[in-house]
C-alpha atoms as a PDB file:
ATOM      1  CA  UNK A   1     228.343  39.191  68.041  1.00  0.00           C
ATOM      2  CA  UNK A   2     226.111  37.629  65.480  1.00  0.00           C
ATOM      3  CA  UNK A   3     223.501  39.394  63.376  1.00  0.00           C
ATOM      4  CA  UNK A   4     220.766  37.479  65.155  1.00  0.00           C
ATOM      5  CA  UNK A   5     221.870  38.783  68.563  1.00  0.00           C
ATOM      6  CA  UNK A   6     221.864  42.389  67.312  1.00  0.00           C
ATOM      7  CA  UNK A   7     218.318  42.044  66.067  1.00  0.00           C
ATOM      8  CA  UNK A   8     217.177  40.669  69.417  1.00  0.00           C
ATOM      9  CA  UNK A   9     218.835  43.610  71.238  1.00  0.00           C
ATOM     10  CA  UNK A  10     217.171  46.154  68.942  1.00  0.00           C
ATOM     11  CA  UNK A  11     213.811  44.441  69.390  1.00  0.00           C
ATOM     12  CA  UNK A  12     214.209  44.576  73.192  1.00  0.00           C
ATOM     13  CA  UNK A  13     215.092  48.273  73.025  1.00  0.00           C
ATOM     14  CA  UNK A  14     211.950  48.992  70.960  1.00  0.00           C
ATOM     15  CA  UNK A  15     209.789  47.037  73.357  1.00  0.00           C
ATOM     16  CA  UNK A  16     211.352  48.845  76.311  1.00  0.00           C
ATOM     17  CA  UNK A  17     210.578  52.231  74.714  1.00  0.00           C
ATOM     18  CA  UNK A  18     206.989  51.130  73.966  1.00  0.00           C
ATOM     19  CA  UNK A  19     206.585  49.985  77.569  1.00  0.00           C
ATOM     20  CA  UNK A  20     207.941  53.313  78.831  1.00  0.00           C
ATOM     21  CA  UNK A  21     205.453  55.196  76.648  1.00  0.00           C
ATOM     22  CA  UNK A  22     202.602  53.010  77.954  1.00  0.00           C
ATOM     23  CA  UNK A  23     203.682  53.721  81.519  1.00  0.00           C
ATOM     24  CA  UNK A  24     203.779  57.458  80.798  1.00  0.00           C
ATOM     25  CA  UNK A  25     200.302  57.317  79.274  1.00  0.00           C
ATOM     26  CA  UNK A  26     198.966  55.294  82.198  1.00  0.00           C
ATOM     27  CA  UNK A  27     200.481  57.761  84.634  1.00  0.00           C
ATOM     28  CA  UNK A  28     198.816  60.644  82.766  1.00  0.00           C
ATOM     29  CA  UNK A  29     195.454  58.862  82.805  1.00  0.00           C
ATOM     30  CA  UNK A  30     195.710  58.204  86.572  1.00  0.00           C
ATOM     31  CA  UNK A  31     196.540  61.839  87.189  1.00  0.00           C
ATOM     32  CA  UNK A  32     193.647  62.994  85.016  1.00  0.00           C
ATOM     33  CA  UNK A  33     191.263  60.627  86.829  1.00  0.00           C
ATOM     34  CA  UNK A  34     192.426  61.990  90.187  1.00  0.00           C
ATOM     35  CA  UNK A  35     191.798  65.565  89.019  1.00  0.00           C
ATOM     36  CA  UNK A  36     188.348  64.551  87.724  1.00  0.00           C
ATOM     37  CA  UNK A  37     187.543  62.942  91.055  1.00  0.00           C
ATOM     38  CA  UNK A  38     188.495  66.149  92.845  1.00  0.00           C
ATOM     39  CA  UNK A  39     186.226  68.134  90.511  1.00  0.00           C
ATOM     40  CA  UNK A  40     183.396  65.679  91.109  1.00  0.00           C
ATOM     41  CA  UNK A  41     183.828  65.993  94.862  1.00  0.00           C
ATOM     42  CA  UNK A  42     183.683  69.769  94.588  1.00  0.00           C
ATOM     43  CA  UNK A  43     180.568  69.575  92.377  1.00  0.00           C
ATOM     44  CA  UNK A  44     178.957  67.148  94.803  1.00  0.00           C
ATOM     45  CA  UNK A  45     179.570  69.535  97.686  1.00  0.00           C
ATOM     46  CA  UNK A  46     178.063  72.372  95.638  1.00  0.00           C
ATOM     47  CA  UNK A  47     175.015  70.251  94.798  1.00  0.00           C
ATOM     48  CA  UNK A  48     174.504  69.370  98.471  1.00  0.00           C
ATOM     49  CA  UNK A  49     174.770  73.046  99.366  1.00  0.00           C
ATOM     50  CA  UNK A  50     172.319  74.014  96.643  1.00  0.00           C
ATOM     51  CA  UNK A  51     169.865  71.348  97.753  1.00  0.00           C
ATOM     52  CA  UNK A  52     170.055  72.639 101.320  1.00  0.00           C
ATOM     53  CA  UNK A  53     169.425  76.169 100.070  1.00  0.00           C
ATOM     54  CA  UNK A  54     166.457  74.990  97.967  1.00  0.00           C
ATOM     55  CA  UNK A  55     165.030  73.165 100.995  1.00  0.00           C
ATOM     56  CA  UNK A  56     165.335  76.300 103.111  1.00  0.00           C
ATOM     57  CA  UNK A  57     163.698  78.379 100.382  1.00  0.00           C
ATOM     58  CA  UNK A  58     160.869  75.826 100.126  1.00  0.00           C
ATOM     59  CA  UNK A  59     160.253  76.040 103.864  1.00  0.00           C
ATOM     60  CA  UNK A  60     160.167  79.829 103.621  1.00  0.00           C
ATOM     61  CA  UNK A  61     157.722  79.696 100.709  1.00  0.00           C
ATOM     62  CA  UNK A  62     155.442  77.299 102.617  1.00  0.00           C
ATOM     63  CA  UNK A  63     155.520  79.556 105.667  1.00  0.00           C
ATOM     64  CA  UNK A  64     154.678  82.586 103.516  1.00  0.00           C
ATOM     65  CA  UNK A  65     151.816  80.701 101.864  1.00  0.00           C
ATOM     66  CA  UNK A  66     150.436  79.761 105.298  1.00  0.00           C
ATOM     67  CA  UNK A  67     150.743  83.381 106.420  1.00  0.00           C
ATOM     68  CA  UNK A  68     148.998  84.608 103.274  1.00  0.00           C
ATOM     69  CA  UNK A  69     146.203  82.086 103.751  1.00  0.00           C
ATOM     70  CA  UNK A  70     145.687  83.290 107.324  1.00  0.00           C
ATOM     71  CA  UNK A  71     145.874  86.890 106.140  1.00  0.00           C
ATOM     72  CA  UNK A  72     143.193  86.247 103.524  1.00  0.00           C
ATOM     73  CA  UNK A  73     140.994  84.547 106.104  1.00  0.00           C
ATOM     74  CA  UNK A  74     141.400  87.463 108.518  1.00  0.00           C
ATOM     75  CA  UNK A  75     140.713  89.935 105.713  1.00  0.00           C
ATOM     76  CA  UNK A  76     137.524  88.060 104.727  1.00  0.00           C
ATOM     77  CA  UNK A  77     136.415  87.950 108.376  1.00  0.00           C
ATOM     78  CA  UNK A  78     137.107  91.675 108.706  1.00  0.00           C
ATOM     79  CA  UNK A  79     134.986  92.563 105.676  1.00  0.00           C
ATOM     80  CA  UNK A  80     132.284  90.156 106.848  1.00  0.00           C
ATOM     81  CA  UNK A  81     132.068  91.836 110.245  1.00  0.00           C
ATOM     82  CA  UNK A  82     132.196  95.441 109.011  1.00  0.00           C
ATOM     83  CA  UNK A  83     128.453  95.584 108.074  1.00  0.00           C
ATOM     84  CA  UNK A  84     127.504  94.178 111.481  1.00  0.00           C
ATOM     85  CA  UNK A  85     129.431  96.939 113.197  1.00  0.00           C
ATOM     86  CA  UNK A  86     127.661  99.732 111.352  1.00  0.00           C
ATOM     87  CA  UNK A  87     124.039  99.260 112.365  1.00  0.00           C
ATOM     88  CA  UNK A  88     121.747 102.055 113.563  1.00  0.00           C
ATOM     89  CA  UNK A  89     123.805 104.505 115.585  1.00  0.00           C
ATOM     90  CA  UNK A  90     122.575 104.595 119.167  1.00  0.00           C
ATOM     91  CA  UNK A  91     124.253 105.942 122.303  1.00  0.00           C
ATOM     92  CA  UNK A  92     126.105 103.310 124.339  1.00  0.00           C
ATOM     93  CA  UNK A  93     124.508 101.515 127.244  1.00  0.00           C
ATOM     94  CA  UNK A  94     124.338 103.873 130.220  1.00  0.00           C
ATOM     95  CA  UNK A  95     124.451 103.238 133.986  1.00  0.00           C
ATOM     96  CA  UNK A  96     121.446 101.553 135.581  1.00  0.00           C
ATOM     97  CA  UNK A  97     118.130 103.381 136.074  1.00  0.00           C
ATOM     98  CA  UNK A  98     114.864 102.311 137.677  1.00  0.00           C
ATOM     99  CA  UNK A  99     112.959 103.590 134.621  1.00  0.00           C
ATOM    100  CA  UNK A 100     113.431 105.692 131.509  1.00  0.00           C
ATOM    101  CA  UNK A 101     112.070 108.696 133.430  1.00  0.00           C
ATOM    102  CA  UNK A 102     115.450 108.797 135.178  1.00  0.00           C
ATOM    103  CA  UNK A 103     117.399 108.794 131.908  1.00  0.00           C
ATOM    104  CA  UNK A 104     118.831 112.004 130.483  1.00  0.00           C
ATOM    105  CA  UNK A 105     119.473 110.952 126.869  1.00  0.00           C
ATOM    106  CA  UNK A 106     117.790 108.765 124.288  1.00  0.00           C
ATOM    107  CA  UNK A 107     119.439 105.391 123.773  1.00  0.00           C
ATOM    108  CA  UNK A 108     119.828 101.963 125.310  1.00  0.00           C
ATOM    109  CA  UNK A 109     119.798 102.034 129.118  1.00  0.00           C
ATOM    110  CA  UNK A 110     120.121  99.346 131.764  1.00  0.00           C
ATOM    111  CA  UNK A 111     116.874  99.237 133.755  1.00  0.00           C
ATOM    112  CA  UNK A 112     116.504  97.663 137.195  1.00  0.00           C
ATOM    113  CA  UNK A 113     113.095  96.062 137.739  1.00  0.00           C
ATOM    114  CA  UNK A 114     111.292  95.936 141.077  1.00  0.00           C
ATOM    115  CA  UNK A 115     112.244  92.246 141.290  1.00  0.00           C
ATOM    116  CA  UNK A 116     115.928  93.246 141.218  1.00  0.00           C
ATOM    117  CA  UNK A 117     116.488  91.841 137.730  1.00  0.00           C
ATOM    118  CA  UNK A 118     118.055  94.080 135.107  1.00  0.00           C
ATOM    119  CA  UNK A 119     117.374  94.464 131.406  1.00  0.00           C
ATOM    120  CA  UNK A 120     118.461  96.621 128.494  1.00  0.00           C
ATOM    121  CA  UNK A 121     115.786  98.841 126.980  1.00  0.00           C
ATOM    122  CA  UNK A 122     115.633 101.709 124.526  1.00  0.00           C
ATOM    123  CA  UNK A 123     114.609 104.993 126.155  1.00  0.00           C
ATOM    124  CA  UNK A 124     113.008 107.744 124.047  1.00  0.00           C
ATOM    125  CA  UNK A 125     113.655 111.175 125.543  1.00  0.00           C
ATOM    126  CA  UNK A 126     113.051 113.437 122.540  1.00  0.00           C
ATOM    127  CA  UNK A 127     109.277 113.333 121.909  1.00  0.00           C
ATOM    128  CA  UNK A 128     106.014 113.563 123.835  1.00  0.00           C
ATOM    129  CA  UNK A 129     107.792 114.805 126.928  1.00  0.00           C
ATOM    130  CA  UNK A 130     110.422 112.035 127.036  1.00  0.00           C
ATOM    131  CA  UNK A 131     110.791 109.274 129.616  1.00  0.00           C
ATOM    132  CA  UNK A 132     109.320 106.584 127.334  1.00  0.00           C
ATOM    133  CA  UNK A 133     110.576 102.981 127.404  1.00  0.00           C
ATOM    134  CA  UNK A 134     110.319 101.164 124.058  1.00  0.00           C
ATOM    135  CA  UNK A 135     109.046  97.602 124.555  1.00  0.00           C
ATOM    136  CA  UNK A 136     108.358  96.806 120.885  1.00  0.00           C
ATOM    137  CA  UNK A 137     110.360  98.038 117.877  1.00  0.00           C
ATOM    138  CA  UNK A 138     109.738  97.260 114.190  1.00  0.00           C
ATOM    139  CA  UNK A 139     112.252  98.845 111.829  1.00  0.00           C
ATOM    140  CA  UNK A 140     113.334  96.674 108.895  1.00  0.00           C
ATOM    141  CA  UNK A 141     112.084  93.106 109.226  1.00  0.00           C
ATOM    142  CA  UNK A 142     115.354  91.611 110.469  1.00  0.00           C
ATOM    143  CA  UNK A 143     113.591  89.926 113.408  1.00  0.00           C
ATOM    144  CA  UNK A 144     110.778  87.389 113.056  1.00  0.00           C
ATOM    145  CA  UNK A 145     107.835  88.274 115.344  1.00  0.00           C
ATOM    146  CA  UNK A 146     105.712  85.160 114.685  1.00  0.00           C
ATOM    147  CA  UNK A 147     107.229  83.314 117.640  1.00  0.00           C
ATOM    148  CA  UNK A 148     106.447  81.010 120.527  1.00  0.00           C
ATOM    149  CA  UNK A 149     104.842  81.786 123.871  1.00  0.00           C
ATOM    150  CA  UNK A 150     108.201  81.365 125.613  1.00  0.00           C
ATOM    151  CA  UNK A 151     109.810  83.930 123.303  1.00  0.00           C
ATOM    152  CA  UNK A 152     107.045  86.450 123.925  1.00  0.00           C
ATOM    153  CA  UNK A 153     107.265  85.816 127.652  1.00  0.00           C
ATOM    154  CA  UNK A 154     111.050  86.223 127.867  1.00  0.00           C
ATOM    155  CA  UNK A 155     111.626  88.714 125.052  1.00  0.00           C
ATOM    156  CA  UNK A 156     113.697  88.532 121.859  1.00  0.00           C
ATOM    157  CA  UNK A 157     115.762  90.695 119.513  1.00  0.00           C
ATOM    158  CA  UNK A 158     118.140  93.527 120.428  1.00  0.00           C
ATOM    159  CA  UNK A 159     117.201  96.854 122.019  1.00  0.00           C
ATOM    160  CA  UNK A 160     119.510  98.575 119.525  1.00  0.00           C
ATOM    161  CA  UNK A 161     117.478  97.253 116.618  1.00  0.00           C
ATOM    162  CA  UNK A 162     114.206  95.288 116.362  1.00  0.00           C
ATOM    163  CA  UNK A 163     113.009  93.693 119.575  1.00  0.00           C
ATOM    164  CA  UNK A 164     110.241  92.671 121.949  1.00  0.00           C
ATOM    165  CA  UNK A 165     111.072  93.413 125.571  1.00  0.00           C
ATOM    166  CA  UNK A 166     109.096  90.494 127.006  1.00  0.00           C
ATOM    167  CA  UNK A 167     105.711  90.036 128.720  1.00  0.00           C
ATOM    168  CA  UNK A 168     107.276  89.136 132.052  1.00  0.00           C
ATOM    169  CA  UNK A 169     109.216  92.410 132.039  1.00  0.00           C
ATOM    170  CA  UNK A 170     106.026  94.314 131.158  1.00  0.00           C
ATOM    171  CA  UNK A 171     104.338  92.767 134.199  1.00  0.00           C
ATOM    172  CA  UNK A 172     107.106  94.176 136.417  1.00  0.00           C
ATOM    173  CA  UNK A 173     107.211  97.548 134.671  1.00  0.00           C
ATOM    174  CA  UNK A 174     103.443  98.148 134.844  1.00  0.00           C
ATOM    175  CA  UNK A 175     103.227  97.437 138.577  1.00  0.00           C
ATOM    176  CA  UNK A 176     103.645 101.202 138.631  1.00  0.00           C
ATOM    177  CA  UNK A 177     100.767 103.024 136.906  1.00  0.00           C
ATOM    178  CA  UNK A 178     101.858 103.644 133.330  1.00  0.00           C
ATOM    179  CA  UNK A 179     100.595 105.023 130.006  1.00  0.00           C
ATOM    180  CA  UNK A 180     100.999 103.693 126.462  1.00  0.00           C
ATOM    181  CA  UNK A 181     102.358 105.466 123.372  1.00  0.00           C
ATOM    182  CA  UNK A 182     102.527 103.937 119.874  1.00  0.00           C
ATOM    183  CA  UNK A 183     104.421 105.696 117.085  1.00  0.00           C
ATOM    184  CA  UNK A 184     104.095 104.479 113.493  1.00  0.00           C
ATOM    185  CA  UNK A 185     105.041 105.461 109.954  1.00  0.00           C
ATOM    186  CA  UNK A 186     104.109 103.958 106.590  1.00  0.00           C
ATOM    187  CA  UNK A 187     106.308 103.465 103.521  1.00  0.00           C
ATOM    188  CA  UNK A 188     105.029 106.747 102.099  1.00  0.00           C
ATOM    189  CA  UNK A 189     106.485 108.731 104.998  1.00  0.00           C
ATOM    190  CA  UNK A 190     103.156 109.418 106.743  1.00  0.00           C
ATOM    191  CA  UNK A 191     103.690 109.350 110.528  1.00  0.00           C
ATOM    192  CA  UNK A 192     101.090 109.140 113.302  1.00  0.00           C
ATOM    193  CA  UNK A 193     100.762 108.198 116.949  1.00  0.00           C
ATOM    194  CA  UNK A 194      98.259 106.718 119.375  1.00  0.00           C
ATOM    195  CA  UNK A 195      98.344 107.391 123.114  1.00  0.00           C
ATOM    196  CA  UNK A 196      96.363 105.697 125.880  1.00  0.00           C
ATOM    197  CA  UNK A 197      96.180 107.018 129.417  1.00  0.00           C
ATOM    198  CA  UNK A 198      96.746 103.674 131.148  1.00  0.00           C
ATOM    199  CA  UNK A 199      98.303 100.252 130.535  1.00  0.00           C
ATOM    200  CA  UNK A 200      98.794  97.250 132.771  1.00  0.00           C
ATOM    201  CA  UNK A 201      99.848  93.693 131.964  1.00  0.00           C
ATOM    202  CA  UNK A 202      98.703  90.943 134.354  1.00  0.00           C
ATOM    203  CA  UNK A 203     100.938  87.990 135.228  1.00  0.00           C
ATOM    204  CA  UNK A 204     101.240  84.692 133.355  1.00  0.00           C
ATOM    205  CA  UNK A 205      98.566  82.917 135.406  1.00  0.00           C
ATOM    206  CA  UNK A 206      96.088  85.340 133.820  1.00  0.00           C
ATOM    207  CA  UNK A 207      97.546  84.917 130.344  1.00  0.00           C
ATOM    208  CA  UNK A 208      99.388  88.260 130.515  1.00  0.00           C
ATOM    209  CA  UNK A 209      96.024  89.962 130.185  1.00  0.00           C
ATOM    210  CA  UNK A 210      96.123  93.558 128.890  1.00  0.00           C
ATOM    211  CA  UNK A 211      94.362  96.339 130.818  1.00  0.00           C
ATOM    212  CA  UNK A 212      94.105  99.418 128.626  1.00  0.00           C
ATOM    213  CA  UNK A 213      92.767 102.848 129.557  1.00  0.00           C
ATOM    214  CA  UNK A 214      89.764 104.308 127.753  1.00  0.00           C
ATOM    215  CA  UNK A 215      91.140 107.792 127.137  1.00  0.00           C
ATOM    216  CA  UNK A 216      92.740 108.033 123.694  1.00  0.00           C
ATOM    217  CA  UNK A 217      94.629 110.895 122.074  1.00  0.00           C
ATOM    218  CA  UNK A 218      96.626 110.978 118.856  1.00  0.00           C
ATOM    219  CA  UNK A 219      96.589 111.166 115.067  1.00  0.00           C
ATOM    220  CA  UNK A 220      96.547 107.455 114.184  1.00  0.00           C
ATOM    221  CA  UNK A 221      92.955 106.713 115.227  1.00  0.00           C
ATOM    222  CA  UNK A 222      91.798 104.500 118.091  1.00  0.00           C
ATOM    223  CA  UNK A 223      92.521 101.005 116.702  1.00  0.00           C
ATOM    224  CA  UNK A 224      93.102  99.513 120.177  1.00  0.00           C
ATOM    225  CA  UNK A 225      90.123 101.017 121.958  1.00  0.00           C
ATOM    226  CA  UNK A 226      88.381  97.629 122.206  1.00  0.00           C
ATOM    227  CA  UNK A 227      91.427  95.658 123.326  1.00  0.00           C
ATOM    228  CA  UNK A 228      90.677  96.045 127.046  1.00  0.00           C
ATOM    229  CA  UNK A 229      90.970  92.824 129.085  1.00  0.00           C
ATOM    230  CA  UNK A 230      92.423  90.650 126.294  1.00  0.00           C
ATOM    231  CA  UNK A 231      94.861  87.809 127.088  1.00  0.00           C
ATOM    232  CA  UNK A 232      97.976  87.356 124.981  1.00  0.00           C
ATOM    233  CA  UNK A 233      97.960  84.718 122.257  1.00  0.00           C
ATOM    234  CA  UNK A 234     100.794  83.157 120.234  1.00  0.00           C
ATOM    235  CA  UNK A 235     100.934  80.636 117.414  1.00  0.00           C
ATOM    236  CA  UNK A 236     101.678  77.786 119.841  1.00  0.00           C
ATOM    237  CA  UNK A 237      99.534  78.895 122.805  1.00  0.00           C
ATOM    238  CA  UNK A 238      96.186  80.279 121.789  1.00  0.00           C
ATOM    239  CA  UNK A 239      94.593  82.418 124.473  1.00  0.00           C
ATOM    240  CA  UNK A 240      92.115  85.232 124.840  1.00  0.00           C
ATOM    241  CA  UNK A 241      88.619  85.546 123.431  1.00  0.00           C
ATOM    242  CA  UNK A 242      89.808  84.959 119.855  1.00  0.00           C
ATOM    243  CA  UNK A 243      92.473  82.213 120.043  1.00  0.00           C
ATOM    244  CA  UNK A 244      92.519  81.639 116.290  1.00  0.00           C
ATOM    245  CA  UNK A 245      93.807  85.145 115.558  1.00  0.00           C
ATOM    246  CA  UNK A 246      97.462  84.422 116.378  1.00  0.00           C
ATOM    247  CA  UNK A 247      97.562  81.951 113.498  1.00  0.00           C
ATOM    248  CA  UNK A 248      95.320  83.987 111.185  1.00  0.00           C
ATOM    249  CA  UNK A 249      97.421  87.135 111.665  1.00  0.00           C
ATOM    250  CA  UNK A 250     100.786  85.293 111.978  1.00  0.00           C
ATOM    251  CA  UNK A 251     101.762  87.170 115.133  1.00  0.00           C
ATOM    252  CA  UNK A 252     101.722  87.099 118.910  1.00  0.00           C
ATOM    253  CA  UNK A 253      99.650  89.874 120.525  1.00  0.00           C
ATOM    254  CA  UNK A 254      96.607  90.703 122.656  1.00  0.00           C
ATOM    255  CA  UNK A 255      94.377  89.957 119.682  1.00  0.00           C
ATOM    256  CA  UNK A 256      90.809  91.243 119.760  1.00  0.00           C
ATOM    257  CA  UNK A 257      89.026  89.550 116.877  1.00  0.00           C
ATOM    258  CA  UNK A 258      90.658  89.295 113.439  1.00  0.00           C
ATOM    259  CA  UNK A 259      87.707  90.325 111.324  1.00  0.00           C
ATOM    260  CA  UNK A 260      87.243  93.349 109.096  1.00  0.00           C
ATOM    261  CA  UNK A 261      86.311  95.946 111.706  1.00  0.00           C
ATOM    262  CA  UNK A 262      88.245  99.213 111.478  1.00  0.00           C
ATOM    263  CA  UNK A 263      89.154  98.895 115.175  1.00  0.00           C
ATOM    264  CA  UNK A 264      91.817  96.217 114.714  1.00  0.00           C
ATOM    265  CA  UNK A 265      95.567  96.136 114.212  1.00  0.00           C
ATOM    266  CA  UNK A 266      98.468  93.739 113.697  1.00  0.00           C
ATOM    267  CA  UNK A 267     101.559  95.531 114.989  1.00  0.00           C
ATOM    268  CA  UNK A 268     103.569  92.293 115.352  1.00  0.00           C
ATOM    269  CA  UNK A 269     102.727  91.044 111.860  1.00  0.00           C
ATOM    270  CA  UNK A 270     105.046  90.106 108.996  1.00  0.00           C
ATOM    271  CA  UNK A 271     107.212  92.973 107.766  1.00  0.00           C
ATOM    272  CA  UNK A 272     107.006  94.355 104.225  1.00  0.00           C
ATOM    273  CA  UNK A 273     104.646  94.797 101.304  1.00  0.00           C
ATOM    274  CA  UNK A 274     102.117  92.314  99.981  1.00  0.00           C
ATOM    275  CA  UNK A 275     101.449  90.532 103.293  1.00  0.00           C
ATOM    276  CA  UNK A 276      97.746  91.453 103.447  1.00  0.00           C
ATOM    277  CA  UNK A 277      96.054  90.653 106.740  1.00  0.00           C
ATOM    278  CA  UNK A 278      99.288  89.124 108.094  1.00  0.00           C
ATOM    279  CA  UNK A 279     101.290  92.308 107.512  1.00  0.00           C
ATOM    280  CA  UNK A 280     101.965  95.171 109.948  1.00  0.00           C
ATOM    281  CA  UNK A 281      98.967  97.514 109.930  1.00  0.00           C
ATOM    282  CA  UNK A 282      96.803  99.807 112.068  1.00  0.00           C
ATOM    283  CA  UNK A 283      93.141  99.718 111.088  1.00  0.00           C
ATOM    284  CA  UNK A 284      92.392 103.432 111.577  1.00  0.00           C
ATOM    285  CA  UNK A 285      95.671 104.721 110.110  1.00  0.00           C
ATOM    286  CA  UNK A 286      95.605 107.854 107.924  1.00  0.00           C
ATOM    287  CA  UNK A 287      91.956 108.628 108.641  1.00  0.00           C
ATOM    288  CA  UNK A 288      90.659 105.355 107.191  1.00  0.00           C
ATOM    289  CA  UNK A 289      86.904 104.746 107.223  1.00  0.00           C
ATOM    290  CA  UNK A 290      87.401 101.074 106.327  1.00  0.00           C
ATOM    291  CA  UNK A 291      90.028  98.800 107.830  1.00  0.00           C
ATOM    292  CA  UNK A 292      93.414 100.073 106.602  1.00  0.00           C
ATOM    293  CA  UNK A 293      95.846  97.211 105.987  1.00  0.00           C
ATOM    294  CA  UNK A 294      98.446  99.316 104.197  1.00  0.00           C
ATOM    295  CA  UNK A 295     101.815  98.112 105.542  1.00  0.00           C
ATOM    296  CA  UNK A 296     103.651 100.162 108.138  1.00  0.00           C
ATOM    297  CA  UNK A 297     107.390 100.714 107.780  1.00  0.00           C
ATOM    298  CA  UNK A 298     108.179 101.412 111.441  1.00  0.00           C
ATOM    299  CA  UNK A 299     106.345 100.908 114.725  1.00  0.00           C
ATOM    300  CA  UNK A 300     107.422 101.534 118.303  1.00  0.00           C
ATOM    301  CA  UNK A 301     105.305 100.733 121.332  1.00  0.00           C
ATOM    302  CA  UNK A 302     106.350 102.527 124.525  1.00  0.00           C
ATOM    303  CA  UNK A 303     105.318 102.879 128.162  1.00  0.00           C
ATOM    304  CA  UNK A 304     105.989 105.610 130.705  1.00  0.00           C
ATOM    305  CA  UNK A 305     105.400 105.728 134.440  1.00  0.00           C
ATOM    306  CA  UNK A 306     102.688 108.155 135.487  1.00  0.00           C
END
């Protein structure tokens, strides 16, 4: 064998070994790639699982936020309603009576009128012999009393607080002979009352005209003694002998003049201090010798069957 042939054989052997090494390396790379692919598949599965978990957690967080928002709204509503539920403490509404003379306790009672209609009214059983039905109550200025004819006819406010029972109801209630009691107190704590032996309110065709008895007793002075036979007047329906007084005094009432005489009053006037002639006042209050327009803090007008 020639030298040239030996060299060719050796060269082929070297190439064969190099090829074998390349094949071994390629085989190792393929195996490594396959292992990496398996790892990637596992990681992908973990990522999908984590994403699903995150989505579930997000839904839970959103639900909790919605719940908290509703909770806050309910809490705010609760604290908003608390003051409304803690007004003046009065006994609950009682079974129906034909008048406050049939009641046994002070408080709001359901009264059946002669017409068959029913209404809620505050009965005062603790003073002046009891049996009094409150038809006007001024306590704190929460209710506006400078209102329309329709409001004064039908009534407004709440018997548990400030209210006007209504002229139409007074017509029904005074079909039975009745007397009038007015209790009042000023901001200095001075209390007084005025009592008249008779009251009657005529129907709407006569302008809800007031018939008031001439016999007066009490400590407040007789500031309604000249109000006999006066029709009611409101800011939108001026009646009576002095129709301008409803606007001048900013109130609905059986106004008798609105001048400076001591024998005047404005029990349905504007609540509070500094209201002057349009405030709540009783001209003869506290032994006045000139018209007393000092504001009253509370007023209650009441009737009782004779």
